[in-house]
Structures are given as structure tokens and as C-alpha cells.
Amino acid sequence: MPVATPIQATPAQLDAVKYNSDGLVPAIVQEEHSGEVLMMAWMNADALRETLESGRAVYWSRSRQSRWRKGDTSGDRQWVRSIYYDCDGDTLLLKVEQEGAGACHTGNYSCFYRRFGE
């Protein structure tokens, strides 16, 4: 089983994150070793803090209006290895070690399994 790796962020780094009018920031999730993009989710400030502190990916569900820690019900956990914020501070990139069948609720490894033109 993978091990949680907490990440120490500075107050200045946390302040650099720009949330939208709903208090959310998009988070792109990439598998650390393969580089495959697994999913995109939303985070609020509490989800980001919990992710940094726990080393497990935590997101905000817009449909349920609640936080959710990836894999608590499915077992398909995401162990965060690093987190980046872009030049504008309005998008996050999480590099994770994906555990279980994958990231997508459909059962696919990646949420990006449908390609235009095919």
C-alpha cells in the first residue's frame, strides 16, 4: 500500500491560489509515473489544506456541495506526491500515485478515455 506524504506549503504559496467566485479552483490530476492525465476536479481552500496535510487527494463536489476524499468509498485512492500551481495561481496540478482500478467513476483508469474522431 502506498504511503501518505504530507506536503509543507508556505502561507505565501497558499495565498497565491486564486479561487473563483464559488470559492473553487480546478485541479488537474496526473499519474506521477506515466504522466497520464487522470481527471479534473474542484478544490476549495479546506480541501487543498487537507490534501496537503494528509497526503491524500481531497476534492469538493459541486453536485453534493460537500468535500470528498478520493477513494473513501471506491478504494481507488490517490496518494499525492506533489502539487503545483500555475503562473496565474488559478489552476492546480496534482501528481499522484493512483491506487486501485483508476480515477474515473465509470470504472475507467482515466476520465479522459473518449477521443474525438473515433
PDB file of N, CA and C in Angstrom:
ATOM      1  N   MET A   1       0.847  -1.188   0.000  1.00  0.00           N
ATOM      2  CA  MET A   1       0.000   0.000   0.000  1.00  0.00           C
ATOM      3  C   MET A   1       0.883   1.238   0.000  1.00  0.00           C
ATOM      4  N   PRO A   2       0.537   2.215  -0.838  1.00  0.00           N
ATOM      5  CA  PRO A   2       1.293   3.471  -0.845  1.00  0.00           C
ATOM      6  C   PRO A   2       1.213   4.175   0.507  1.00  0.00           C
ATOM      7  N   VAL A   3       2.166   5.033   0.728  1.00  0.00           N
ATOM      8  CA  VAL A   3       2.258   5.772   1.982  1.00  0.00           C
ATOM      9  C   VAL A   3       1.925   7.235   1.735  1.00  0.00           C
ATOM     10  N   ALA A   4       1.192   7.835   2.660  1.00  0.00           N
ATOM     11  CA  ALA A   4       0.848   9.253   2.568  1.00  0.00           C
ATOM     12  C   ALA A   4       2.096  10.103   2.750  1.00  0.00           C
ATOM     13  N   THR A   5       2.194  11.148   1.961  1.00  0.00           N
ATOM     14  CA  THR A   5       3.322  12.063   2.039  1.00  0.00           C
ATOM     15  C   THR A   5       2.787  13.483   2.179  1.00  0.00           C
ATOM     16  N   PRO A   6       2.685  13.995   3.408  1.00  0.00           N
ATOM     17  CA  PRO A   6       2.235  15.380   3.578  1.00  0.00           C
ATOM     18  C   PRO A   6       3.184  16.348   2.875  1.00  0.00           C
ATOM     19  N   ILE A   7       2.650  17.460   2.434  1.00  0.00           N
ATOM     20  CA  ILE A   7       3.420  18.480   1.724  1.00  0.00           C
ATOM     21  C   ILE A   7       3.341  19.774   2.515  1.00  0.00           C
ATOM     22  N   GLN A   8       4.486  20.373   2.760  1.00  0.00           N
ATOM     23  CA  GLN A   8       4.556  21.623   3.502  1.00  0.00           C
ATOM     24  C   GLN A   8       4.441  22.799   2.536  1.00  0.00           C
ATOM     25  N   ALA A   9       3.354  23.528   2.581  1.00  0.00           N
ATOM     26  CA  ALA A   9       3.178  24.732   1.763  1.00  0.00           C
ATOM     27  C   ALA A   9       3.365  25.954   2.647  1.00  0.00           C
ATOM     28  N   THR A  10       3.942  26.983   2.087  1.00  0.00           N
ATOM     29  CA  THR A  10       4.116  28.222   2.837  1.00  0.00           C
ATOM     30  C   THR A  10       2.828  29.039   2.771  1.00  0.00           C
ATOM     31  N   PRO A  11       2.636  29.952   3.721  1.00  0.00           N
ATOM     32  CA  PRO A  11       1.472  30.849   3.648  1.00  0.00           C
ATOM     33  C   PRO A  11       1.432  31.627   2.333  1.00  0.00           C
ATOM     34  N   ALA A  12       2.589  32.054   1.835  1.00  0.00           N
ATOM     35  CA  ALA A  12       2.631  32.804   0.576  1.00  0.00           C
ATOM     36  C   ALA A  12       2.161  31.937  -0.592  1.00  0.00           C
ATOM     37  N   GLN A  13       2.528  30.664  -0.594  1.00  0.00           N
ATOM     38  CA  GLN A  13       2.073  29.756  -1.657  1.00  0.00           C
ATOM     39  C   GLN A  13       0.562  29.576  -1.585  1.00  0.00           C
ATOM     40  N   LEU A  14       0.038  29.375  -0.393  1.00  0.00           N
ATOM     41  CA  LEU A  14      -1.417  29.211  -0.237  1.00  0.00           C
ATOM     42  C   LEU A  14      -2.155  30.489  -0.638  1.00  0.00           C
ATOM     43  N   ASP A  15      -1.580  31.649  -0.323  1.00  0.00           N
ATOM     44  CA  ASP A  15      -2.194  32.929  -0.686  1.00  0.00           C
ATOM     45  C   ASP A  15      -2.169  33.168  -2.193  1.00  0.00           C
ATOM     46  N   ALA A  16      -1.255  32.508  -2.908  1.00  0.00           N
ATOM     47  CA  ALA A  16      -1.136  32.699  -4.357  1.00  0.00           C
ATOM     48  C   ALA A  16      -2.250  31.986  -5.132  1.00  0.00           C
ATOM     49  N   VAL A  17      -2.952  31.069  -4.473  1.00  0.00           N
ATOM     50  CA  VAL A  17      -4.024  30.347  -5.147  1.00  0.00           C
ATOM     51  C   VAL A  17      -5.237  31.258  -5.268  1.00  0.00           C
ATOM     52  N   LYS A  18      -5.750  31.371  -6.490  1.00  0.00           N
ATOM     53  CA  LYS A  18      -6.909  32.234  -6.760  1.00  0.00           C
ATOM     54  C   LYS A  18      -8.132  31.360  -6.990  1.00  0.00           C
ATOM     55  N   TYR A  19      -9.111  31.522  -6.158  1.00  0.00           N
ATOM     56  CA  TYR A  19     -10.346  30.759  -6.242  1.00  0.00           C
ATOM     57  C   TYR A  19     -11.376  31.549  -7.033  1.00  0.00           C
ATOM     58  N   ASN A  20     -12.287  30.849  -7.703  1.00  0.00           N
ATOM     59  CA  ASN A  20     -13.329  31.535  -8.474  1.00  0.00           C
ATOM     60  C   ASN A  20     -14.399  32.091  -7.528  1.00  0.00           C
ATOM     61  N   SER A  21     -15.450  32.642  -8.081  1.00  0.00           N
ATOM     62  CA  SER A  21     -16.492  33.273  -7.264  1.00  0.00           C
ATOM     63  C   SER A  21     -17.226  32.278  -6.360  1.00  0.00           C
ATOM     64  N   ASP A  22     -17.131  30.986  -6.670  1.00  0.00           N
ATOM     65  CA  ASP A  22     -17.714  29.946  -5.815  1.00  0.00           C
ATOM     66  C   ASP A  22     -16.731  29.436  -4.775  1.00  0.00           C
ATOM     67  N   GLY A  23     -15.535  30.030  -4.730  1.00  0.00           N
ATOM     68  CA  GLY A  23     -14.523  29.601  -3.771  1.00  0.00           C
ATOM     69  C   GLY A  23     -13.809  28.324  -4.185  1.00  0.00           C
ATOM     70  N   LEU A  24     -13.775  28.049  -5.497  1.00  0.00           N
ATOM     71  CA  LEU A  24     -13.187  26.809  -6.003  1.00  0.00           C
ATOM     72  C   LEU A  24     -12.061  27.090  -6.989  1.00  0.00           C
ATOM     73  N   VAL A  25     -11.155  26.123  -7.083  1.00  0.00           N
ATOM     74  CA  VAL A  25     -10.070  26.175  -8.056  1.00  0.00           C
ATOM     75  C   VAL A  25     -10.022  24.810  -8.746  1.00  0.00           C
ATOM     76  N   PRO A  26      -9.841  24.788 -10.093  1.00  0.00           N
ATOM     77  CA  PRO A  26      -9.750  23.500 -10.776  1.00  0.00           C
ATOM     78  C   PRO A  26      -8.424  22.811 -10.456  1.00  0.00           C
ATOM     79  N   ALA A  27      -8.495  21.492 -10.334  1.00  0.00           N
ATOM     80  CA  ALA A  27      -7.312  20.683 -10.053  1.00  0.00           C
ATOM     81  C   ALA A  27      -7.210  19.583 -11.103  1.00  0.00           C
ATOM     82  N   ILE A  28      -6.157  19.633 -11.888  1.00  0.00           N
ATOM     83  CA  ILE A  28      -5.879  18.597 -12.867  1.00  0.00           C
ATOM     84  C   ILE A  28      -5.062  17.526 -12.146  1.00  0.00           C
ATOM     85  N   VAL A  29      -5.434  16.264 -12.347  1.00  0.00           N
ATOM     86  CA  VAL A  29      -4.774  15.168 -11.643  1.00  0.00           C
ATOM     87  C   VAL A  29      -4.049  14.290 -12.653  1.00  0.00           C
ATOM     88  N   GLN A  30      -2.761  14.104 -12.413  1.00  0.00           N
ATOM     89  CA  GLN A  30      -1.891  13.369 -13.328  1.00  0.00           C
ATOM     90  C   GLN A  30      -1.207  12.233 -12.574  1.00  0.00           C
ATOM     91  N   GLU A  31      -1.100  11.068 -13.217  1.00  0.00           N
ATOM     92  CA  GLU A  31      -0.396   9.943 -12.612  1.00  0.00           C
ATOM     93  C   GLU A  31       1.094  10.259 -12.640  1.00  0.00           C
ATOM     94  N   GLU A  32       1.721  10.143 -11.483  1.00  0.00           N
ATOM     95  CA  GLU A  32       3.111  10.581 -11.328  1.00  0.00           C
ATOM     96  C   GLU A  32       4.071   9.864 -12.275  1.00  0.00           C
ATOM     97  N   HIS A  33       3.972   8.572 -12.397  1.00  0.00           N
ATOM     98  CA  HIS A  33       4.972   7.812 -13.151  1.00  0.00           C
ATOM     99  C   HIS A  33       4.725   7.822 -14.652  1.00  0.00           C
ATOM    100  N   SER A  34       3.483   7.656 -15.083  1.00  0.00           N
ATOM    101  CA  SER A  34       3.195   7.576 -16.518  1.00  0.00           C
ATOM    102  C   SER A  34       2.968   8.943 -17.145  1.00  0.00           C
ATOM    103  N   GLY A  35       2.571   9.931 -16.349  1.00  0.00           N
ATOM    104  CA  GLY A  35       2.243  11.245 -16.870  1.00  0.00           C
ATOM    105  C   GLY A  35       0.824  11.334 -17.424  1.00  0.00           C
ATOM    106  N   GLU A  36       0.068  10.227 -17.343  1.00  0.00           N
ATOM    107  CA  GLU A  36      -1.292  10.220 -17.870  1.00  0.00           C
ATOM    108  C   GLU A  36      -2.186  11.141 -17.039  1.00  0.00           C
ATOM    109  N   VAL A  37      -2.986  11.963 -17.733  1.00  0.00           N
ATOM    110  CA  VAL A  37      -3.949  12.812 -17.050  1.00  0.00           C
ATOM    111  C   VAL A  37      -5.136  11.935 -16.660  1.00  0.00           C
ATOM    112  N   LEU A  38      -5.445  11.902 -15.363  1.00  0.00           N
ATOM    113  CA  LEU A  38      -6.484  11.013 -14.852  1.00  0.00           C
ATOM    114  C   LEU A  38      -7.845  11.682 -14.740  1.00  0.00           C
ATOM    115  N   MET A  39      -7.878  12.916 -14.300  1.00  0.00           N
ATOM    116  CA  MET A  39      -9.156  13.566 -14.045  1.00  0.00           C
ATOM    117  C   MET A  39      -8.954  15.048 -13.794  1.00  0.00           C
ATOM    118  N   MET A  40     -10.066  15.765 -13.740  1.00  0.00           N
ATOM    119  CA  MET A  40     -10.100  17.144 -13.293  1.00  0.00           C
ATOM    120  C   MET A  40     -11.181  17.219 -12.226  1.00  0.00           C
ATOM    121  N   ALA A  41     -10.875  17.881 -11.144  1.00  0.00           N
ATOM    122  CA  ALA A  41     -11.838  18.038 -10.054  1.00  0.00           C
ATOM    123  C   ALA A  41     -11.707  19.462  -9.524  1.00  0.00           C
ATOM    124  N   TRP A  42     -12.545  19.785  -8.569  1.00  0.00           N
ATOM    125  CA  TRP A  42     -12.527  21.106  -7.943  1.00  0.00           C
ATOM    126  C   TRP A  42     -12.059  20.984  -6.506  1.00  0.00           C
ATOM    127  N   MET A  43     -11.375  22.012  -6.043  1.00  0.00           N
ATOM    128  CA  MET A  43     -10.946  22.079  -4.640  1.00  0.00           C
ATOM    129  C   MET A  43     -11.337  23.437  -4.077  1.00  0.00           C
ATOM    130  N   ASN A  44     -11.736  23.444  -2.811  1.00  0.00           N
ATOM    131  CA  ASN A  44     -11.850  24.708  -2.093  1.00  0.00           C
ATOM    132  C   ASN A  44     -10.628  24.800  -1.180  1.00  0.00           C
ATOM    133  N   ALA A  45     -10.518  25.878  -0.427  1.00  0.00           N
ATOM    134  CA  ALA A  45      -9.327  26.076   0.404  1.00  0.00           C
ATOM    135  C   ALA A  45      -9.175  24.966   1.441  1.00  0.00           C
ATOM    136  N   ASP A  46     -10.280  24.510   2.030  1.00  0.00           N
ATOM    137  CA  ASP A  46     -10.202  23.442   3.027  1.00  0.00           C
ATOM    138  C   ASP A  46      -9.753  22.129   2.410  1.00  0.00           C
ATOM    139  N   ALA A  47     -10.249  21.810   1.216  1.00  0.00           N
ATOM    140  CA  ALA A  47      -9.843  20.573   0.535  1.00  0.00           C
ATOM    141  C   ALA A  47      -8.356  20.615   0.196  1.00  0.00           C
ATOM    142  N   LEU A  48      -7.883  21.772  -0.255  1.00  0.00           N
ATOM    143  CA  LEU A  48      -6.455  21.900  -0.560  1.00  0.00           C
ATOM    144  C   LEU A  48      -5.622  21.716   0.701  1.00  0.00           C
ATOM    145  N   ARG A  49      -6.006  22.372   1.783  1.00  0.00           N
ATOM    146  CA  ARG A  49      -5.263  22.229   3.039  1.00  0.00           C
ATOM    147  C   ARG A  49      -5.245  20.783   3.517  1.00  0.00           C
ATOM    148  N   GLU A  50      -6.401  20.120   3.478  1.00  0.00           N
ATOM    149  CA  GLU A  50      -6.470  18.728   3.930  1.00  0.00           C
ATOM    150  C   GLU A  50      -5.619  17.818   3.037  1.00  0.00           C
ATOM    151  N   THR A  51      -5.630  18.089   1.750  1.00  0.00           N
ATOM    152  CA  THR A  51      -4.800  17.317   0.824  1.00  0.00           C
ATOM    153  C   THR A  51      -3.321  17.481   1.167  1.00  0.00           C
ATOM    154  N   LEU A  52      -2.902  18.710   1.371  1.00  0.00           N
ATOM    155  CA  LEU A  52      -1.506  18.974   1.720  1.00  0.00           C
ATOM    156  C   LEU A  52      -1.119  18.305   3.032  1.00  0.00           C
ATOM    157  N   GLU A  53      -1.979  18.401   4.029  1.00  0.00           N
ATOM    158  CA  GLU A  53      -1.676  17.855   5.350  1.00  0.00           C
ATOM    159  C   GLU A  53      -1.716  16.336   5.404  1.00  0.00           C
ATOM    160  N   SER A  54      -2.658  15.742   4.667  1.00  0.00           N
ATOM    161  CA  SER A  54      -2.859  14.291   4.772  1.00  0.00           C
ATOM    162  C   SER A  54      -2.093  13.480   3.736  1.00  0.00           C
ATOM    163  N   GLY A  55      -1.761  14.101   2.597  1.00  0.00           N
ATOM    164  CA  GLY A  55      -1.117  13.363   1.520  1.00  0.00           C
ATOM    165  C   GLY A  55      -2.088  12.544   0.684  1.00  0.00           C
ATOM    166  N   ARG A  56      -3.366  12.658   0.964  1.00  0.00           N
ATOM    167  CA  ARG A  56      -4.433  12.007   0.186  1.00  0.00           C
ATOM    168  C   ARG A  56      -5.240  13.088  -0.512  1.00  0.00           C
ATOM    169  N   ALA A  57      -5.664  12.811  -1.753  1.00  0.00           N
ATOM    170  CA  ALA A  57      -6.409  13.795  -2.525  1.00  0.00           C
ATOM    171  C   ALA A  57      -7.819  13.985  -1.970  1.00  0.00           C
ATOM    172  N   VAL A  58      -8.160  15.241  -1.716  1.00  0.00           N
ATOM    173  CA  VAL A  58      -9.474  15.626  -1.221  1.00  0.00           C
ATOM    174  C   VAL A  58     -10.018  16.695  -2.165  1.00  0.00           C
ATOM    175  N   TYR A  59     -11.273  16.544  -2.565  1.00  0.00           N
ATOM    176  CA  TYR A  59     -11.878  17.447  -3.536  1.00  0.00           C
ATOM    177  C   TYR A  59     -13.198  17.996  -3.009  1.00  0.00           C
ATOM    178  N   TRP A  60     -13.766  18.933  -3.778  1.00  0.00           N
ATOM    179  CA  TRP A  60     -15.078  19.495  -3.468  1.00  0.00           C
ATOM    180  C   TRP A  60     -16.056  19.052  -4.548  1.00  0.00           C
ATOM    181  N   SER A  61     -17.138  18.439  -4.148  1.00  0.00           N
ATOM    182  CA  SER A  61     -18.177  18.017  -5.081  1.00  0.00           C
ATOM    183  C   SER A  61     -19.183  19.147  -5.253  1.00  0.00           C
ATOM    184  N   ARG A  62     -19.278  19.679  -6.454  1.00  0.00           N
ATOM    185  CA  ARG A  62     -20.238  20.746  -6.713  1.00  0.00           C
ATOM    186  C   ARG A  62     -21.663  20.211  -6.670  1.00  0.00           C
ATOM    187  N   SER A  63     -21.874  18.983  -7.117  1.00  0.00           N
ATOM    188  CA  SER A  63     -23.235  18.431  -7.135  1.00  0.00           C
ATOM    189  C   SER A  63     -23.745  18.113  -5.733  1.00  0.00           C
ATOM    190  N   ARG A  64     -22.872  17.616  -4.870  1.00  0.00           N
ATOM    191  CA  ARG A  64     -23.276  17.272  -3.497  1.00  0.00           C
ATOM    192  C   ARG A  64     -23.030  18.410  -2.510  1.00  0.00           C
ATOM    193  N   GLN A  65     -22.279  19.421  -2.954  1.00  0.00           N
ATOM    194  CA  GLN A  65     -21.909  20.544  -2.087  1.00  0.00           C
ATOM    195  C   GLN A  65     -21.232  20.048  -0.812  1.00  0.00           C
ATOM    196  N   SER A  66     -20.258  19.157  -1.004  1.00  0.00           N
ATOM    197  CA  SER A  66     -19.508  18.637   0.139  1.00  0.00           C
ATOM    198  C   SER A  66     -18.130  18.161  -0.318  1.00  0.00           C
ATOM    199  N   ARG A  67     -17.236  18.036   0.624  1.00  0.00           N
ATOM    200  CA  ARG A  67     -15.896  17.552   0.329  1.00  0.00           C
ATOM    201  C   ARG A  67     -15.935  16.047   0.168  1.00  0.00           C
ATOM    202  N   TRP A  68     -15.015  15.507  -0.600  1.00  0.00           N
ATOM    203  CA  TRP A  68     -14.892  14.061  -0.712  1.00  0.00           C
ATOM    204  C   TRP A  68     -13.424  13.686  -0.888  1.00  0.00           C
ATOM    205  N   ARG A  69     -13.033  12.711  -0.133  1.00  0.00           N
ATOM    206  CA  ARG A  69     -11.656  12.215  -0.219  1.00  0.00           C
ATOM    207  C   ARG A  69     -11.662  11.047  -1.181  1.00  0.00           C
ATOM    208  N   LYS A  70     -10.912  11.189  -2.255  1.00  0.00           N
ATOM    209  CA  LYS A  70     -10.902  10.213  -3.340  1.00  0.00           C
ATOM    210  C   LYS A  70     -10.565   8.825  -2.794  1.00  0.00           C
ATOM    211  N   GLY A  71     -11.473   7.897  -3.064  1.00  0.00           N
ATOM    212  CA  GLY A  71     -11.237   6.508  -2.708  1.00  0.00           C
ATOM    213  C   GLY A  71     -11.853   6.043  -1.415  1.00  0.00           C
ATOM    214  N   ASP A  72     -12.474   6.939  -0.646  1.00  0.00           N
ATOM    215  CA  ASP A  72     -13.070   6.507   0.624  1.00  0.00           C
ATOM    216  C   ASP A  72     -14.160   5.466   0.418  1.00  0.00           C
ATOM    217  N   THR A  73     -14.923   5.579  -0.654  1.00  0.00           N
ATOM    218  CA  THR A  73     -15.973   4.575  -0.896  1.00  0.00           C
ATOM    219  C   THR A  73     -15.548   3.548  -1.941  1.00  0.00           C
ATOM    220  N   SER A  74     -14.762   3.958  -2.934  1.00  0.00           N
ATOM    221  CA  SER A  74     -14.384   3.044  -4.024  1.00  0.00           C
ATOM    222  C   SER A  74     -13.112   2.248  -3.734  1.00  0.00           C
ATOM    223  N   GLY A  75     -12.256   2.766  -2.856  1.00  0.00           N
ATOM    224  CA  GLY A  75     -10.954   2.142  -2.630  1.00  0.00           C
ATOM    225  C   GLY A  75      -9.903   2.599  -3.626  1.00  0.00           C
ATOM    226  N   ASP A  76     -10.300   3.413  -4.607  1.00  0.00           N
ATOM    227  CA  ASP A  76      -9.384   3.904  -5.638  1.00  0.00           C
ATOM    228  C   ASP A  76      -8.759   5.221  -5.168  1.00  0.00           C
ATOM    229  N   ARG A  77      -7.885   5.100  -4.196  1.00  0.00           N
ATOM    230  CA  ARG A  77      -7.302   6.282  -3.552  1.00  0.00           C
ATOM    231  C   ARG A  77      -6.218   6.933  -4.393  1.00  0.00           C
ATOM    232  N   GLN A  78      -6.020   8.212  -4.135  1.00  0.00           N
ATOM    233  CA  GLN A  78      -4.948   8.964  -4.778  1.00  0.00           C
ATOM    234  C   GLN A  78      -3.998   9.465  -3.704  1.00  0.00           C
ATOM    235  N   TRP A  79      -2.755   9.040  -3.819  1.00  0.00           N
ATOM    236  CA  TRP A  79      -1.701   9.425  -2.892  1.00  0.00           C
ATOM    237  C   TRP A  79      -0.905  10.538  -3.559  1.00  0.00           C
ATOM    238  N   VAL A  80      -1.008  11.731  -3.024  1.00  0.00           N
ATOM    239  CA  VAL A  80      -0.408  12.911  -3.649  1.00  0.00           C
ATOM    240  C   VAL A  80       1.098  12.911  -3.423  1.00  0.00           C
ATOM    241  N   ARG A  81       1.813  13.091  -4.515  1.00  0.00           N
ATOM    242  CA  ARG A  81       3.277  13.135  -4.455  1.00  0.00           C
ATOM    243  C   ARG A  81       3.806  14.555  -4.605  1.00  0.00           C
ATOM    244  N   SER A  82       3.087  15.398  -5.345  1.00  0.00           N
ATOM    245  CA  SER A  82       3.470  16.810  -5.470  1.00  0.00           C
ATOM    246  C   SER A  82       2.265  17.592  -5.970  1.00  0.00           C
ATOM    247  N   ILE A  83       2.252  18.873  -5.654  1.00  0.00           N
ATOM    248  CA  ILE A  83       1.192  19.768  -6.104  1.00  0.00           C
ATOM    249  C   ILE A  83       1.845  21.035  -6.646  1.00  0.00           C
ATOM    250  N   TYR A  84       1.369  21.459  -7.802  1.00  0.00           N
ATOM    251  CA  TYR A  84       1.862  22.674  -8.440  1.00  0.00           C
ATOM    252  C   TYR A  84       0.697  23.642  -8.622  1.00  0.00           C
ATOM    253  N   TYR A  85       0.997  24.934  -8.679  1.00  0.00           N
ATOM    254  CA  TYR A  85       0.004  25.924  -9.066  1.00  0.00           C
ATOM    255  C   TYR A  85       0.558  26.670 -10.268  1.00  0.00           C
ATOM    256  N   ASP A  86      -0.319  27.048 -11.194  1.00  0.00           N
ATOM    257  CA  ASP A  86       0.149  27.650 -12.441  1.00  0.00           C
ATOM    258  C   ASP A  86       0.554  29.104 -12.244  1.00  0.00           C
ATOM    259  N   CYS A  87       1.025  29.713 -13.336  1.00  0.00           N
ATOM    260  CA  CYS A  87       1.576  31.062 -13.272  1.00  0.00           C
ATOM    261  C   CYS A  87       0.564  32.095 -12.797  1.00  0.00           C
ATOM    262  N   ASP A  88      -0.726  31.856 -13.061  1.00  0.00           N
ATOM    263  CA  ASP A  88      -1.767  32.783 -12.607  1.00  0.00           C
ATOM    264  C   ASP A  88      -2.316  32.398 -11.237  1.00  0.00           C
ATOM    265  N   GLY A  89      -1.981  31.220 -10.757  1.00  0.00           N
ATOM    266  CA  GLY A  89      -2.474  30.756  -9.461  1.00  0.00           C
ATOM    267  C   GLY A  89      -3.919  30.290  -9.505  1.00  0.00           C
ATOM    268  N   ASP A  90      -4.467  30.122 -10.721  1.00  0.00           N
ATOM    269  CA  ASP A  90      -5.883  29.773 -10.795  1.00  0.00           C
ATOM    270  C   ASP A  90      -6.162  28.330 -11.245  1.00  0.00           C
ATOM    271  N   THR A  91      -5.122  27.516 -11.315  1.00  0.00           N
ATOM    272  CA  THR A  91      -5.273  26.095 -11.628  1.00  0.00           C
ATOM    273  C   THR A  91      -4.194  25.321 -10.888  1.00  0.00           C
ATOM    274  N   LEU A  92      -4.594  24.163 -10.346  1.00  0.00           N
ATOM    275  CA  LEU A  92      -3.653  23.300  -9.640  1.00  0.00           C
ATOM    276  C   LEU A  92      -3.358  22.063 -10.477  1.00  0.00           C
ATOM    277  N   LEU A  93      -2.184  21.501 -10.273  1.00  0.00           N
ATOM    278  CA  LEU A  93      -1.796  20.229 -10.871  1.00  0.00           C
ATOM    279  C   LEU A  93      -1.337  19.314  -9.740  1.00  0.00           C
ATOM    280  N   LEU A  94      -2.061  18.204  -9.575  1.00  0.00           N
ATOM    281  CA  LEU A  94      -1.689  17.216  -8.566  1.00  0.00           C
ATOM    282  C   LEU A  94      -1.052  16.037  -9.271  1.00  0.00           C
ATOM    283  N   LYS A  95       0.143  15.659  -8.854  1.00  0.00           N
ATOM    284  CA  LYS A  95       0.773  14.443  -9.339  1.00  0.00           C
ATOM    285  C   LYS A  95       0.567  13.398  -8.254  1.00  0.00           C
ATOM    286  N   VAL A  96      -0.070  12.289  -8.645  1.00  0.00           N
ATOM    287  CA  VAL A  96      -0.495  11.301  -7.664  1.00  0.00           C
ATOM    288  C   VAL A  96      -0.025   9.902  -8.029  1.00  0.00           C
ATOM    289  N   GLU A  97      -0.026   9.062  -7.023  1.00  0.00           N
ATOM    290  CA  GLU A  97       0.101   7.626  -7.219  1.00  0.00           C
ATOM    291  C   GLU A  97      -1.322   7.088  -7.089  1.00  0.00           C
ATOM    292  N   GLN A  98      -1.863   6.601  -8.195  1.00  0.00           N
ATOM    293  CA  GLN A  98      -3.240   6.110  -8.227  1.00  0.00           C
ATOM    294  C   GLN A  98      -3.278   4.674  -7.727  1.00  0.00           C
ATOM    295  N   GLU A  99      -4.138   4.416  -6.754  1.00  0.00           N
ATOM    296  CA  GLU A  99      -4.314   3.074  -6.217  1.00  0.00           C
ATOM    297  C   GLU A  99      -5.662   2.532  -6.689  1.00  0.00           C
ATOM    298  N   GLY A 100      -5.735   1.252  -6.942  1.00  0.00           N
ATOM    299  CA  GLY A 100      -6.999   0.633  -7.317  1.00  0.00           C
ATOM    300  C   GLY A 100      -7.211   0.612  -8.812  1.00  0.00           C
ATOM    301  N   ALA A 101      -8.478   0.529  -9.205  1.00  0.00           N
ATOM    302  CA  ALA A 101      -8.845   0.373 -10.620  1.00  0.00           C
ATOM    303  C   ALA A 101      -8.615   1.635 -11.429  1.00  0.00           C
ATOM    304  N   GLY A 102      -8.643   2.791 -10.817  1.00  0.00           N
ATOM    305  CA  GLY A 102      -8.430   4.030 -11.551  1.00  0.00           C
ATOM    306  C   GLY A 102      -9.157   5.200 -10.947  1.00  0.00           C
ATOM    307  N   ALA A 103      -9.117   6.305 -11.681  1.00  0.00           N
ATOM    308  CA  ALA A 103      -9.641   7.563 -11.168  1.00  0.00           C
ATOM    309  C   ALA A 103     -11.094   7.822 -11.537  1.00  0.00           C
ATOM    310  N   CYS A 104     -11.572   7.210 -12.613  1.00  0.00           N
ATOM    311  CA  CYS A 104     -12.888   7.566 -13.130  1.00  0.00           C
ATOM    312  C   CYS A 104     -14.010   6.762 -12.471  1.00  0.00           C
ATOM    313  N   HIS A 105     -15.107   7.444 -12.171  1.00  0.00           N
ATOM    314  CA  HIS A 105     -16.261   6.780 -11.557  1.00  0.00           C
ATOM    315  C   HIS A 105     -16.928   5.790 -12.506  1.00  0.00           C
ATOM    316  N   THR A 106     -16.560   5.836 -13.809  1.00  0.00           N
ATOM    317  CA  THR A 106     -17.127   4.897 -14.781  1.00  0.00           C
ATOM    318  C   THR A 106     -16.424   3.543 -14.748  1.00  0.00           C
ATOM    319  N   GLY A 107     -15.312   3.475 -14.011  1.00  0.00           N
ATOM    320  CA  GLY A 107     -14.526   2.248 -13.984  1.00  0.00           C
ATOM    321  C   GLY A 107     -13.302   2.312 -14.879  1.00  0.00           C
ATOM    322  N   ASN A 108     -13.195   3.367 -15.668  1.00  0.00           N
ATOM    323  CA  ASN A 108     -12.003   3.552 -16.498  1.00  0.00           C
ATOM    324  C   ASN A 108     -10.861   4.096 -15.650  1.00  0.00           C
ATOM    325  N   TYR A 109      -9.637   3.817 -16.089  1.00  0.00           N
ATOM    326  CA  TYR A 109      -8.473   4.280 -15.339  1.00  0.00           C
ATOM    327  C   TYR A 109      -8.399   5.804 -15.327  1.00  0.00           C
ATOM    328  N   SER A 110      -8.665   6.422 -16.484  1.00  0.00           N
ATOM    329  CA  SER A 110      -8.663   7.878 -16.620  1.00  0.00           C
ATOM    330  C   SER A 110     -10.054   8.348 -17.027  1.00  0.00           C
ATOM    331  N   CYS A 111     -10.421   9.525 -16.596  1.00  0.00           N
ATOM    332  CA  CYS A 111     -11.694  10.108 -17.045  1.00  0.00           C
ATOM    333  C   CYS A 111     -11.614  10.529 -18.508  1.00  0.00           C
ATOM    334  N   PHE A 112     -10.408  10.644 -19.042  1.00  0.00           N
ATOM    335  CA  PHE A 112     -10.215  11.082 -20.420  1.00  0.00           C
ATOM    336  C   PHE A 112      -9.982   9.876 -21.330  1.00  0.00           C
ATOM    337  N   TYR A 113     -11.023   9.063 -21.470  1.00  0.00           N
ATOM    338  CA  TYR A 113     -10.932   7.854 -22.290  1.00  0.00           C
ATOM    339  C   TYR A 113     -11.676   7.991 -23.611  1.00  0.00           C
ATOM    340  N   ARG A 114     -12.403   9.089 -23.806  1.00  0.00           N
ATOM    341  CA  ARG A 114     -13.153   9.302 -25.043  1.00  0.00           C
ATOM    342  C   ARG A 114     -12.419  10.294 -25.930  1.00  0.00           C
ATOM    343  N   ARG A 115     -12.182   9.896 -27.164  1.00  0.00           N
ATOM    344  CA  ARG A 115     -11.411  10.720 -28.089  1.00  0.00           C
ATOM    345  C   ARG A 115     -12.281  11.155 -29.250  1.00  0.00           C
ATOM    346  N   PHE A 116     -12.226  12.425 -29.602  1.00  0.00           N
ATOM    347  CA  PHE A 116     -12.946  12.920 -30.762  1.00  0.00           C
ATOM    348  C   PHE A 116     -12.394  12.274 -32.031  1.00  0.00           C
ATOM    349  N   GLY A 117     -13.277  12.004 -32.987  1.00  0.00           N
ATOM    350  CA  GLY A 117     -12.852  11.467 -34.261  1.00  0.00           C
ATOM    351  C   GLY A 117     -12.763   9.961 -34.309  1.00  0.00           C
ATOM    352  N   GLU A 118     -13.093   9.294 -33.236  1.00  0.00           N
ATOM    353  CA  GLU A 118     -13.041   7.827 -33.214  1.00  0.00           C
ATOM    354  C   GLU A 118     -14.418   7.247 -33.005  1.00  0.00           C
TER     355      GLU A 118
END
